[in-house]
Structures are given as structure tokens and as C-alpha cells.
């Protein structure tokens, strides 16, 4: 009797797409992120300004030039901004599979099994938006965080462009194989 060899593991491929879905192109994904970042900039500006201005006015009588206060303001601003951005993308993608920008452009994020990404997958997929937390490092932290985010965006764009089949980049692979589809 001949034994049947065990099946060989296959490379990670997204499940077959439902009719009318195709991998989301770079331009659609860029525009969706742009919409989300505009919304987040407004929300972040309001929330962080209210908290930071309240802390400054209550703590130092409105004097921002105190070195300890300006460091604290920078650290709190960096942490809050990173938490707001990462929290938004992780929550929206894990609960709905879409952010507001993706809803507008009819894009949907899926986990490797074809369901919505888990919270862990969504956090891993979007962790790069929190690189700004490096702003807590005095003097160079904000610059390093901004450069890290820029490098991540460039690597994502190149990855999506180079993967002509699934349009996945490093952040999708880091999250276990998430992918984005265009609906309709």
C-alpha cells in the first residue's frame, strides 16, 4: 500500500473574493487614508488642544515657555495623538472592516480568513501610524517619528504597487495576511 503524503503548506493567499470584488489599488487606498487623516487631524486637534491647553492653563498660568511644561506638553501630545490614530484605525477595521475613508471609496479590510480582522491584526496592520509617539524623546523624537512614518508609507506604497496580484504590503503581512478589496 502506498501512503498519501501529507499536504504541503501553501503560501499565504487571500481566500477567493466574492463576485464584484477585486484587490484595492494604491490610489483608492491612498485616498481612503487621506480622508481618514483629514478627519483625524480635526478630531485630534480638538481633543489634544482641549487637554493640553487645559493642563497648561491650570498648571502654569498660561506660561508655555517653562522647560518642564513644554516637555510634558510634547510628551502628552505625542502619546494622545498616537493613541487616537492607532485606536481609530484598529477599532474601525476590527469592528466594521472599514474606516470612514474606506466606506467612502467602497473598500473593505479582511483578515487572513476572509472575516473582519481581529483587533490584534488591525493593531499590527496599523502600528506604523503610532510611530509619532517617538515625539516623547526630547529634541529629535518628533523628527525620528515623522521619518519613520514616512518610510513606512513609502514601503507600503512600493509593496502594494509591486504585488500586482493581491496588492498586499509589509503591514498586511505583519498582520498575518490581511488584505483590502474594492467592493463593486
C-alpha atoms as a PDB file:
ATOM      1  CA  UNK A   1       0.000   0.000   0.000  1.00  0.00           C
ATOM      2  CA  UNK A   2       1.269   3.431  -0.821  1.00  0.00           C
ATOM      3  CA  UNK A   3       0.790   6.182   1.663  1.00  0.00           C
ATOM      4  CA  UNK A   4      -0.542   9.549   0.622  1.00  0.00           C
ATOM      5  CA  UNK A   5       1.943  12.247   1.577  1.00  0.00           C
ATOM      6  CA  UNK A   6       0.620  14.991   3.869  1.00  0.00           C
ATOM      7  CA  UNK A   7      -0.443  18.172   2.077  1.00  0.00           C
ATOM      8  CA  UNK A   8       2.306  20.733   1.712  1.00  0.00           C
ATOM      9  CA  UNK A   9       1.711  24.159   3.247  1.00  0.00           C
ATOM     10  CA  UNK A  10       0.650  26.685   0.655  1.00  0.00           C
ATOM     11  CA  UNK A  11       1.844  30.283   0.565  1.00  0.00           C
ATOM     12  CA  UNK A  12      -0.497  32.696   2.259  1.00  0.00           C
ATOM     13  CA  UNK A  13      -3.147  33.717  -0.269  1.00  0.00           C
ATOM     14  CA  UNK A  14      -6.344  35.587   0.481  1.00  0.00           C
ATOM     15  CA  UNK A  15      -9.494  33.496   0.091  1.00  0.00           C
ATOM     16  CA  UNK A  16     -11.356  33.787  -3.193  1.00  0.00           C
ATOM     17  CA  UNK A  17     -13.139  37.112  -3.478  1.00  0.00           C
ATOM     18  CA  UNK A  18     -16.901  37.331  -3.711  1.00  0.00           C
ATOM     19  CA  UNK A  19     -18.238  38.376  -7.093  1.00  0.00           C
ATOM     20  CA  UNK A  20     -17.638  42.034  -7.814  1.00  0.00           C
ATOM     21  CA  UNK A  21     -14.623  42.386  -5.508  1.00  0.00           C
ATOM     22  CA  UNK A  22     -11.037  42.902  -6.574  1.00  0.00           C
ATOM     23  CA  UNK A  23      -7.816  43.885  -4.787  1.00  0.00           C
ATOM     24  CA  UNK A  24      -7.879  47.581  -3.925  1.00  0.00           C
ATOM     25  CA  UNK A  25      -5.495  49.696  -5.959  1.00  0.00           C
ATOM     26  CA  UNK A  26      -2.914  52.020  -4.441  1.00  0.00           C
ATOM     27  CA  UNK A  27      -4.753  55.216  -5.433  1.00  0.00           C
ATOM     28  CA  UNK A  28      -8.018  54.091  -3.796  1.00  0.00           C
ATOM     29  CA  UNK A  29      -6.197  53.108  -0.626  1.00  0.00           C
ATOM     30  CA  UNK A  30      -4.266  56.389  -0.591  1.00  0.00           C
ATOM     31  CA  UNK A  31      -7.450  58.450  -0.985  1.00  0.00           C
ATOM     32  CA  UNK A  32      -9.176  56.473   1.782  1.00  0.00           C
ATOM     33  CA  UNK A  33      -6.242  57.137   4.148  1.00  0.00           C
ATOM     34  CA  UNK A  34      -6.233  60.799   3.154  1.00  0.00           C
ATOM     35  CA  UNK A  35      -9.923  61.124   4.081  1.00  0.00           C
ATOM     36  CA  UNK A  36      -9.268  59.361   7.389  1.00  0.00           C
ATOM     37  CA  UNK A  37      -6.233  61.529   8.169  1.00  0.00           C
ATOM     38  CA  UNK A  38      -8.180  64.745   7.489  1.00  0.00           C
ATOM     39  CA  UNK A  39     -10.947  63.603   9.845  1.00  0.00           C
ATOM     40  CA  UNK A  40      -8.416  62.520  12.462  1.00  0.00           C
ATOM     41  CA  UNK A  41      -6.481  65.787  12.212  1.00  0.00           C
ATOM     42  CA  UNK A  42      -9.627  67.727  13.119  1.00  0.00           C
ATOM     43  CA  UNK A  43     -10.641  65.357  15.933  1.00  0.00           C
ATOM     44  CA  UNK A  44      -7.079  65.128  17.234  1.00  0.00           C
ATOM     45  CA  UNK A  45      -6.684  68.913  17.124  1.00  0.00           C
ATOM     46  CA  UNK A  46      -9.817  69.428  19.178  1.00  0.00           C
ATOM     47  CA  UNK A  47      -9.133  66.699  21.750  1.00  0.00           C
ATOM     48  CA  UNK A  48      -5.422  67.323  22.217  1.00  0.00           C
ATOM     49  CA  UNK A  49      -5.841  71.099  22.253  1.00  0.00           C
ATOM     50  CA  UNK A  50      -8.536  70.902  24.902  1.00  0.00           C
ATOM     51  CA  UNK A  51      -6.499  68.591  27.111  1.00  0.00           C
ATOM     52  CA  UNK A  52      -3.141  70.288  26.630  1.00  0.00           C
ATOM     53  CA  UNK A  53      -4.448  73.864  26.865  1.00  0.00           C
ATOM     54  CA  UNK A  54      -6.447  72.912  29.942  1.00  0.00           C
ATOM     55  CA  UNK A  55      -3.375  71.397  31.546  1.00  0.00           C
ATOM     56  CA  UNK A  56      -1.169  74.360  30.655  1.00  0.00           C
ATOM     57  CA  UNK A  57      -3.638  76.983  31.798  1.00  0.00           C
ATOM     58  CA  UNK A  58      -4.385  75.115  35.008  1.00  0.00           C
ATOM     59  CA  UNK A  59      -0.784  74.189  35.777  1.00  0.00           C
ATOM     60  CA  UNK A  60       1.373  77.107  34.733  1.00  0.00           C
ATOM     61  CA  UNK A  61      -0.979  80.039  34.481  1.00  0.00           C
ATOM     62  CA  UNK A  62      -0.615  80.092  30.702  1.00  0.00           C
ATOM     63  CA  UNK A  63       3.187  80.205  30.612  1.00  0.00           C
ATOM     64  CA  UNK A  64       4.219  77.655  27.958  1.00  0.00           C
ATOM     65  CA  UNK A  65       7.901  78.568  27.986  1.00  0.00           C
ATOM     66  CA  UNK A  66       8.710  76.627  31.119  1.00  0.00           C
ATOM     67  CA  UNK A  67      11.019  73.783  30.002  1.00  0.00           C
ATOM     68  CA  UNK A  68       9.311  71.150  32.139  1.00  0.00           C
ATOM     69  CA  UNK A  69       5.881  72.167  30.914  1.00  0.00           C
ATOM     70  CA  UNK A  70       6.873  72.212  27.232  1.00  0.00           C
ATOM     71  CA  UNK A  71       8.407  68.729  27.552  1.00  0.00           C
ATOM     72  CA  UNK A  72       5.255  67.486  29.266  1.00  0.00           C
ATOM     73  CA  UNK A  73       3.092  69.095  26.577  1.00  0.00           C
ATOM     74  CA  UNK A  74       5.137  67.433  23.837  1.00  0.00           C
ATOM     75  CA  UNK A  75       5.036  64.047  25.534  1.00  0.00           C
ATOM     76  CA  UNK A  76       1.296  64.180  26.241  1.00  0.00           C
ATOM     77  CA  UNK A  77       0.581  65.414  22.709  1.00  0.00           C
ATOM     78  CA  UNK A  78       2.672  62.621  21.162  1.00  0.00           C
ATOM     79  CA  UNK A  79       1.060  59.903  23.257  1.00  0.00           C
ATOM     80  CA  UNK A  80      -2.509  61.159  22.765  1.00  0.00           C
ATOM     81  CA  UNK A  81      -2.043  61.613  19.022  1.00  0.00           C
ATOM     82  CA  UNK A  82      -0.585  58.113  18.597  1.00  0.00           C
ATOM     83  CA  UNK A  83      -3.396  56.621  20.699  1.00  0.00           C
ATOM     84  CA  UNK A  84      -6.123  58.457  18.773  1.00  0.00           C
ATOM     85  CA  UNK A  85      -4.779  57.483  15.336  1.00  0.00           C
ATOM     86  CA  UNK A  86      -3.976  53.859  16.180  1.00  0.00           C
ATOM     87  CA  UNK A  87      -7.196  53.462  18.171  1.00  0.00           C
ATOM     88  CA  UNK A  88      -9.320  54.781  15.303  1.00  0.00           C
ATOM     89  CA  UNK A  89      -7.838  52.501  12.637  1.00  0.00           C
ATOM     90  CA  UNK A  90      -7.731  49.425  14.891  1.00  0.00           C
ATOM     91  CA  UNK A  91     -11.290  49.889  16.185  1.00  0.00           C
ATOM     92  CA  UNK A  92     -12.865  50.675  12.818  1.00  0.00           C
ATOM     93  CA  UNK A  93     -11.121  47.862  10.948  1.00  0.00           C
ATOM     94  CA  UNK A  94     -11.740  45.229  13.635  1.00  0.00           C
ATOM     95  CA  UNK A  95     -15.371  46.189  14.258  1.00  0.00           C
ATOM     96  CA  UNK A  96     -16.536  47.097  10.721  1.00  0.00           C
ATOM     97  CA  UNK A  97     -13.728  46.115   8.373  1.00  0.00           C
ATOM     98  CA  UNK A  98     -13.812  49.708   7.128  1.00  0.00           C
ATOM     99  CA  UNK A  99     -12.788  53.173   8.190  1.00  0.00           C
ATOM    100  CA  UNK A 100     -14.768  56.222   7.097  1.00  0.00           C
ATOM    101  CA  UNK A 101     -12.378  56.732   4.173  1.00  0.00           C
ATOM    102  CA  UNK A 102     -12.804  53.107   3.108  1.00  0.00           C
ATOM    103  CA  UNK A 103     -16.585  53.432   3.344  1.00  0.00           C
ATOM    104  CA  UNK A 104     -16.495  56.435   1.004  1.00  0.00           C
ATOM    105  CA  UNK A 105     -14.295  54.597  -1.515  1.00  0.00           C
ATOM    106  CA  UNK A 106     -16.061  51.220  -1.104  1.00  0.00           C
ATOM    107  CA  UNK A 107     -13.021  49.419   0.271  1.00  0.00           C
ATOM    108  CA  UNK A 108     -13.095  46.661   2.863  1.00  0.00           C
ATOM    109  CA  UNK A 109     -10.288  45.203   5.004  1.00  0.00           C
ATOM    110  CA  UNK A 110     -10.322  41.450   5.605  1.00  0.00           C
ATOM    111  CA  UNK A 111      -8.358  39.234   7.919  1.00  0.00           C
ATOM    112  CA  UNK A 112      -6.457  36.253   6.522  1.00  0.00           C
ATOM    113  CA  UNK A 113      -9.528  34.001   6.845  1.00  0.00           C
ATOM    114  CA  UNK A 114     -11.859  36.309   4.908  1.00  0.00           C
ATOM    115  CA  UNK A 115     -13.557  37.748   8.004  1.00  0.00           C
ATOM    116  CA  UNK A 116     -13.027  41.175   9.570  1.00  0.00           C
ATOM    117  CA  UNK A 117      -9.539  41.482  11.036  1.00  0.00           C
ATOM    118  CA  UNK A 118      -9.240  40.781  14.731  1.00  0.00           C
ATOM    119  CA  UNK A 119      -8.270  43.671  16.985  1.00  0.00           C
ATOM    120  CA  UNK A 120      -4.722  42.293  17.180  1.00  0.00           C
ATOM    121  CA  UNK A 121      -4.473  42.050  13.388  1.00  0.00           C
ATOM    122  CA  UNK A 122      -5.842  45.583  12.988  1.00  0.00           C
ATOM    123  CA  UNK A 123      -3.355  46.972  15.542  1.00  0.00           C
ATOM    124  CA  UNK A 124      -0.446  45.170  13.871  1.00  0.00           C
ATOM    125  CA  UNK A 125      -1.571  46.342  10.431  1.00  0.00           C
ATOM    126  CA  UNK A 126      -1.738  49.983  11.525  1.00  0.00           C
ATOM    127  CA  UNK A 127       1.037  50.184  14.129  1.00  0.00           C
ATOM    128  CA  UNK A 128       3.043  52.486  11.855  1.00  0.00           C
ATOM    129  CA  UNK A 129       0.565  55.349  12.442  1.00  0.00           C
ATOM    130  CA  UNK A 130       1.741  55.413  16.071  1.00  0.00           C
ATOM    131  CA  UNK A 131       5.433  55.981  15.288  1.00  0.00           C
ATOM    132  CA  UNK A 132       4.785  59.621  16.220  1.00  0.00           C
ATOM    133  CA  UNK A 133       4.906  58.514  19.859  1.00  0.00           C
ATOM    134  CA  UNK A 134       8.672  58.875  19.463  1.00  0.00           C
ATOM    135  CA  UNK A 135       7.943  62.580  19.927  1.00  0.00           C
ATOM    136  CA  UNK A 136       8.304  61.977  23.663  1.00  0.00           C
ATOM    137  CA  UNK A 137      12.062  61.914  23.083  1.00  0.00           C
ATOM    138  CA  UNK A 138      13.259  65.499  23.530  1.00  0.00           C
ATOM    139  CA  UNK A 139      14.618  67.432  20.540  1.00  0.00           C
ATOM    140  CA  UNK A 140      14.946  64.628  17.946  1.00  0.00           C
ATOM    141  CA  UNK A 141      11.984  62.383  18.757  1.00  0.00           C
ATOM    142  CA  UNK A 142       9.444  64.195  16.616  1.00  0.00           C
ATOM    143  CA  UNK A 143      11.783  64.191  13.632  1.00  0.00           C
ATOM    144  CA  UNK A 144      12.643  60.497  14.047  1.00  0.00           C
ATOM    145  CA  UNK A 145       8.954  59.584  14.419  1.00  0.00           C
ATOM    146  CA  UNK A 146       7.997  61.570  11.319  1.00  0.00           C
ATOM    147  CA  UNK A 147      10.777  59.987   9.282  1.00  0.00           C
ATOM    148  CA  UNK A 148       9.757  56.509  10.487  1.00  0.00           C
ATOM    149  CA  UNK A 149       6.143  57.138   9.428  1.00  0.00           C
ATOM    150  CA  UNK A 150       7.282  58.439   6.028  1.00  0.00           C
ATOM    151  CA  UNK A 151       9.492  55.394   5.461  1.00  0.00           C
ATOM    152  CA  UNK A 152       6.597  53.108   6.442  1.00  0.00           C
ATOM    153  CA  UNK A 153       4.242  54.857   3.988  1.00  0.00           C
ATOM    154  CA  UNK A 154       6.793  54.616   1.170  1.00  0.00           C
ATOM    155  CA  UNK A 155       7.392  50.932   1.887  1.00  0.00           C
ATOM    156  CA  UNK A 156       3.631  50.293   1.919  1.00  0.00           C
ATOM    157  CA  UNK A 157       3.152  52.124  -1.394  1.00  0.00           C
ATOM    158  CA  UNK A 158       6.015  50.235  -3.032  1.00  0.00           C
ATOM    159  CA  UNK A 159       4.743  46.915  -1.655  1.00  0.00           C
ATOM    160  CA  UNK A 160       1.197  47.496  -2.916  1.00  0.00           C
ATOM    161  CA  UNK A 161       2.494  48.563  -6.325  1.00  0.00           C
ATOM    162  CA  UNK A 162       4.837  45.567  -6.627  1.00  0.00           C
ATOM    163  CA  UNK A 163       2.234  42.959  -5.631  1.00  0.00           C
ATOM    164  CA  UNK A 164       0.112  43.002  -8.771  1.00  0.00           C
ATOM    165  CA  UNK A 165      -1.993  40.006  -7.678  1.00  0.00           C
ATOM    166  CA  UNK A 166      -3.118  40.702  -4.084  1.00  0.00           C
ATOM    167  CA  UNK A 167      -1.974  44.314  -3.534  1.00  0.00           C
ATOM    168  CA  UNK A 168      -0.548  43.466  -0.100  1.00  0.00           C
ATOM    169  CA  UNK A 169       2.406  45.189   1.559  1.00  0.00           C
ATOM    170  CA  UNK A 170       4.566  44.616   4.633  1.00  0.00           C
ATOM    171  CA  UNK A 171       1.877  45.856   7.023  1.00  0.00           C
ATOM    172  CA  UNK A 172      -0.604  43.280   5.675  1.00  0.00           C
ATOM    173  CA  UNK A 173       1.970  40.508   6.062  1.00  0.00           C
ATOM    174  CA  UNK A 174       2.911  41.734   9.548  1.00  0.00           C
ATOM    175  CA  UNK A 175      -0.770  41.382  10.483  1.00  0.00           C
ATOM    176  CA  UNK A 176      -0.838  37.765   9.326  1.00  0.00           C
ATOM    177  CA  UNK A 177      -2.063  38.282   5.772  1.00  0.00           C
ATOM    178  CA  UNK A 178      -4.760  40.957   5.877  1.00  0.00           C
ATOM    179  CA  UNK A 179      -5.917  42.352   2.561  1.00  0.00           C
ATOM    180  CA  UNK A 180      -8.100  45.139   1.186  1.00  0.00           C
ATOM    181  CA  UNK A 181     -10.736  44.647  -1.505  1.00  0.00           C
ATOM    182  CA  UNK A 182     -12.668  47.137  -3.621  1.00  0.00           C
ATOM    183  CA  UNK A 183     -16.389  46.444  -3.474  1.00  0.00           C
ATOM    184  CA  UNK A 184     -18.389  46.684  -6.689  1.00  0.00           C
END
